[in-house]
Protein backbone atom coordinates (compact mmCIF):
# COMPACT_ATOMS: atom_id res chain seq x y z
CA MET A 1 119.26 293.33 147.93
CA LEU A 2 120.60 289.92 148.97
CA GLY A 3 117.05 288.61 148.63
CA ALA A 4 117.04 289.66 144.98
CA ILE A 5 120.37 287.94 144.32
CA THR A 6 119.21 284.81 146.13
CA GLY A 7 116.01 284.65 144.08
CA ASP A 8 118.02 285.08 140.91
CA ILE A 9 120.42 282.23 141.71
CA ILE A 10 117.65 279.89 142.86
CA GLY A 11 115.63 280.58 139.72
CA SER A 12 118.60 280.46 137.35
CA VAL A 13 118.37 276.75 136.49
CA TYR A 14 114.64 277.01 135.72
CA GLU A 15 114.67 280.14 133.56
CA PHE A 16 113.86 278.49 130.22
CA ALA A 17 112.22 275.31 131.52
CA ASN A 18 108.70 276.72 132.10
CA PHE A 19 108.99 274.95 135.45
CA LYS A 20 105.72 274.80 137.40
CA GLN A 21 106.64 272.86 140.53
CA TYR A 22 106.92 274.11 144.11
CA ASP A 23 109.13 271.41 145.58
CA PHE A 24 112.61 271.59 144.07
CA PRO A 25 116.20 271.85 145.33
CA LEU A 26 116.89 275.47 146.17
CA PHE A 27 120.51 275.14 145.09
CA SER A 28 122.44 272.74 142.89
CA LYS A 29 125.84 272.60 141.20
CA GLU A 30 124.22 274.29 138.20
CA SER A 31 122.85 277.27 140.18
CA PHE A 32 124.57 280.47 139.09
CA PHE A 33 124.20 284.24 139.18
CA THR A 34 122.77 285.83 136.05
CA ASP A 35 122.56 289.35 134.66
CA ASP A 36 120.00 290.08 137.37
CA THR A 37 122.67 289.76 140.04
CA VAL A 38 125.36 291.56 138.06
CA LEU A 39 123.17 294.61 137.55
CA THR A 40 121.74 294.51 141.07
CA VAL A 41 125.28 294.76 142.42
CA ALA A 42 126.09 297.48 139.88
CA VAL A 43 123.19 299.62 141.14
CA ALA A 44 124.26 299.12 144.76
CA ASP A 45 127.84 300.08 143.86
CA ALA A 46 126.60 303.22 142.11
CA LEU A 47 124.53 304.18 145.16
CA ILE A 48 127.33 303.56 147.65
CA HIS A 49 130.01 305.40 145.69
CA ASN A 50 127.84 307.98 143.88
CA LEU A 51 128.84 306.66 140.46
CA ASP A 52 127.33 307.40 137.08
CA ILE A 53 124.71 304.69 136.72
CA ALA A 54 124.87 304.21 132.94
CA LYS A 55 128.66 303.90 132.96
CA THR A 56 128.52 301.57 135.96
CA LEU A 57 125.99 299.25 134.33
CA LYS A 58 128.14 299.07 131.22
CA ALA A 59 131.32 298.43 133.20
CA TYR A 60 129.79 295.57 135.17
CA ALA A 61 128.24 293.95 132.11
CA LEU A 62 131.56 294.09 130.28
CA ARG A 63 133.38 292.54 133.26
CA TYR A 64 130.79 289.78 133.55
CA PRO A 65 129.72 288.87 129.99
CA ASP A 66 127.56 285.90 128.97
CA ARG A 67 125.22 286.16 131.95
CA GLY A 68 122.01 286.23 129.93
CA TYR A 69 121.62 289.91 129.13
CA GLY A 70 118.76 290.94 126.88
CA GLY A 71 119.66 291.54 123.25
CA THR A 72 119.00 295.27 123.20
CA PHE A 73 120.78 295.82 126.51
CA TYR A 74 123.74 293.82 125.17
CA GLU A 75 123.91 296.05 122.10
CA TRP A 76 123.70 299.15 124.31
CA VAL A 77 126.54 297.90 126.53
CA HIS A 78 128.79 297.39 123.51
CA SER A 79 127.89 300.70 121.88
CA SER A 80 129.45 304.11 122.44
CA SER A 81 126.08 305.58 123.37
CA LEU A 82 124.81 306.33 126.87
CA ALA A 83 121.32 307.19 125.59
CA PRO A 84 118.35 305.06 126.71
CA TYR A 85 116.51 302.81 124.28
CA ASN A 86 112.87 303.00 125.44
CA SER A 87 112.70 299.51 126.94
CA TRP A 88 109.78 298.17 128.96
CA GLY A 89 111.61 294.94 129.81
CA ASN A 90 111.87 293.61 133.35
CA GLY A 91 115.58 294.48 133.55
CA SER A 92 114.70 297.78 135.21
CA ALA A 93 112.75 296.02 137.97
CA MET A 94 115.17 293.19 138.67
CA ARG A 95 118.13 295.51 139.31
CA THR A 96 116.35 298.11 141.48
CA SER A 97 116.11 296.41 144.89
CA SER A 98 118.91 298.32 146.62
CA ILE A 99 117.04 301.60 145.97
CA GLY A 100 114.13 300.42 148.11
CA PHE A 101 116.57 299.72 150.96
CA PHE A 102 118.85 302.73 150.51
CA PHE A 103 116.38 305.62 150.73
CA ASN A 104 114.17 306.42 153.69
CA ASN A 105 111.27 308.34 152.23
CA GLU A 106 108.92 307.59 149.37
CA VAL A 107 109.82 310.66 147.33
CA ASP A 108 113.49 309.70 147.18
CA VAL A 109 112.70 306.03 146.48
CA LEU A 110 110.44 306.85 143.54
CA LYS A 111 112.79 309.53 142.17
CA ALA A 112 115.85 307.27 142.31
CA ALA A 113 113.99 304.29 140.89
CA ARG A 114 112.95 306.44 137.92
CA GLU A 115 116.45 307.86 137.40
CA PHE A 116 118.16 304.47 137.62
CA ALA A 117 115.61 302.89 135.28
CA GLU A 118 115.57 305.64 132.69
CA VAL A 119 119.23 305.29 131.71
CA THR A 120 118.05 302.32 129.64
CA HIS A 121 114.34 301.70 130.33
CA ASN A 122 112.78 305.08 129.66
CA HIS A 123 109.47 303.62 128.46
CA PRO A 124 106.68 304.34 131.00
CA GLU A 125 106.22 300.62 131.70
CA GLY A 126 109.94 300.17 132.30
CA VAL A 127 109.94 303.03 134.78
CA LYS A 128 106.76 301.81 136.44
CA GLY A 129 108.14 298.31 137.00
CA ALA A 130 111.25 299.66 138.69
CA GLN A 131 109.30 302.10 140.83
CA ALA A 132 106.71 299.54 141.90
CA THR A 133 109.39 297.07 142.98
CA ALA A 134 111.44 299.64 144.88
CA PHE A 135 108.32 301.14 146.48
CA ALA A 136 107.06 297.72 147.62
CA ILE A 137 110.43 297.15 149.30
CA TYR A 138 110.26 300.56 150.95
CA LEU A 139 106.73 299.91 152.25
CA ALA A 140 107.76 296.51 153.61
CA ARG A 141 110.69 298.13 155.43
CA GLN A 142 108.29 300.61 157.01
CA GLY A 143 106.34 297.76 158.57
CA CYS A 144 103.32 297.96 156.27
CA SER A 145 101.07 294.91 156.13
CA LYS A 146 100.69 292.88 152.96
CA GLU A 147 97.23 294.34 152.49
CA GLU A 148 98.61 297.87 152.77
CA ILE A 149 101.40 297.07 150.31
CA LYS A 150 98.90 295.54 147.90
CA ASN A 151 96.58 298.52 148.13
CA ASP A 152 99.32 301.12 147.75
CA ILE A 153 100.96 299.41 144.76
CA THR A 154 97.55 299.03 143.11
CA GLN A 155 96.65 302.68 143.74
CA TRP A 156 100.00 304.12 142.63
CA PHE A 157 100.78 301.86 139.67
CA HIS A 158 97.42 300.39 138.66
CA TYR A 159 98.72 296.81 138.59
CA ASP A 160 96.07 294.12 138.95
CA LEU A 161 97.10 292.24 142.12
CA SER A 162 93.71 290.64 142.66
CA ARG A 163 94.48 287.30 140.95
CA MET A 164 95.79 284.27 142.79
CA LEU A 165 98.89 282.32 141.77
CA ASP A 166 96.80 279.23 141.11
CA GLU A 167 94.86 281.24 138.52
CA ILE A 168 97.98 282.70 136.92
CA ARG A 169 100.24 279.62 136.84
CA PRO A 170 98.51 277.34 134.31
CA ASP A 171 98.69 279.80 131.42
CA TYR A 172 101.76 281.76 132.47
CA VAL A 173 104.60 281.70 129.95
CA PHE A 174 108.03 283.26 129.51
CA ASP A 175 107.52 287.03 129.68
CA VAL A 176 110.34 289.54 129.97
CA THR A 177 108.16 292.67 130.09
CA CYS A 178 107.71 294.64 133.29
CA GLN A 179 103.95 294.49 132.95
CA GLY A 180 104.08 290.70 132.57
CA SER A 181 106.64 290.06 135.32
CA VAL A 182 106.27 292.56 138.14
CA PRO A 183 102.61 291.94 139.11
CA PRO A 184 102.99 288.11 139.31
CA ALA A 185 106.20 288.53 141.30
CA ILE A 186 104.47 290.84 143.77
CA ILE A 187 101.54 288.42 144.05
CA ALA A 188 103.99 285.60 144.85
CA PHE A 189 105.25 287.69 147.76
CA LEU A 190 101.73 288.57 148.90
CA GLU A 191 100.77 284.89 149.07
CA SER A 192 103.94 283.81 150.84
CA GLU A 193 104.46 282.69 154.43
CA ASN A 194 108.21 283.31 154.67
CA PHE A 195 111.20 284.15 152.48
CA GLU A 196 111.80 280.66 151.12
CA ASP A 197 108.11 280.16 150.43
CA ALA A 198 108.00 283.45 148.49
CA VAL A 199 110.87 282.48 146.18
CA ARG A 200 109.51 278.97 145.65
CA LYS A 201 106.13 280.40 144.70
CA ALA A 202 107.72 282.84 142.26
CA VAL A 203 109.81 280.18 140.54
CA SER A 204 106.82 277.83 140.38
CA LEU A 205 105.03 280.22 138.02
CA GLY A 206 107.37 279.17 135.22
CA GLY A 207 108.49 281.72 132.68
CA ASP A 208 111.41 284.02 133.48
CA ALA A 209 112.09 282.20 136.72
CA ASP A 210 115.31 283.92 137.77
CA THR A 211 113.84 287.41 137.39
CA LEU A 212 110.56 286.46 139.08
CA GLY A 213 112.61 285.01 141.95
CA CYS A 214 114.75 288.13 142.00
CA ILE A 215 111.86 290.59 142.25
CA THR A 216 109.89 288.50 144.74
CA GLY A 217 112.98 287.77 146.82
CA SER A 218 113.82 291.45 147.12
CA ILE A 219 110.39 292.32 148.55
CA ALA A 220 110.31 289.22 150.76
CA GLU A 221 113.67 290.10 152.31
CA ALA A 222 112.38 293.56 153.23
CA PHE A 223 109.12 292.20 154.67
CA TYR A 224 110.47 289.19 156.59
CA GLY A 225 113.56 291.02 157.80
CA GLN A 226 116.37 289.01 156.23
CA VAL A 227 117.36 286.12 154.03
CA PRO A 228 117.59 283.02 156.25
CA GLU A 229 121.20 282.42 157.24
CA GLU A 230 121.60 279.00 155.61
CA ILE A 231 120.15 280.27 152.33
CA ALA A 232 122.25 283.45 152.46
CA THR A 233 125.41 281.38 152.97
CA GLU A 234 124.65 279.27 149.90
CA THR A 235 124.04 282.43 147.89
CA MET A 236 127.28 284.11 148.92
CA LYS A 237 129.28 280.99 148.01
CA ARG A 238 128.28 281.48 144.40
CA LEU A 239 129.40 285.10 144.09
CA PRO A 240 132.77 286.60 143.17
CA GLU A 241 134.70 288.42 145.89
CA GLU A 242 133.97 291.79 144.27
CA PHE A 243 130.23 291.21 144.69
CA ARG A 244 130.55 290.02 148.27
CA LYS A 245 132.47 293.15 149.23
CA ILE A 246 129.81 295.44 147.72
CA ILE A 247 127.03 293.51 149.46
CA GLU A 248 128.79 293.67 152.83
CA LYS A 249 129.50 297.39 152.45
CA PHE A 250 125.90 298.05 151.43
CA TYR A 251 124.47 296.43 154.56
CA LEU A 252 127.04 298.15 156.80
CA MET A 253 125.88 301.47 155.37
CA LEU A 254 122.25 300.58 156.10
CA GLU A 255 123.13 299.71 159.69
CA GLY A 256 125.07 302.95 160.09
């Protein structure tokens, strides 16, 4: 979960720049948490306290406006409806990381990822993106190798994970769909050597950099065991107290 938030904040300043470089400052004065972080924390809060997910997403978005929410999601938040709107956007995948950490068997992970996605993203691609991200995190937590993770995600979700980042990067553009975001983000993890390398590789693709960093960072945290302490400290500095309390409670529950 913290890996997702870290990737979001690191990628935040490059979101609309179509940035293609690997070497860049991880944090700057302009680094900030976006809607990816807000909704990631909302999902964790809903899991911890058994809250209604649709109402929780709306409540968080209303408390933290102007964080870059998608247009249709923004309209949903400000409407009286709790009905989903058939989205296949990457919002379902970027907010789902805590599910992959919270549940301890694949059936529960996939069921919860579907349920938490479908409150807004009830299109098959929206569900698939959330499930693939959460399942990759679950597999990483189980000690699966990168090859096993790659094979299982390919078999279950039929994503093409055979391309290399160097093939993808030159023509990659801003893409907010699950099908255009989740596979490259997973590939960035698969090619990585450590947590920081994974996030740098994700951001270096260009496009929706904060969400790519968020998805990749969530899987990298699970695989490499943690967000490095110095990076985690910089991340936590940029979060409101409410978020820090939820994050701390979430990890205490995992340890318990």
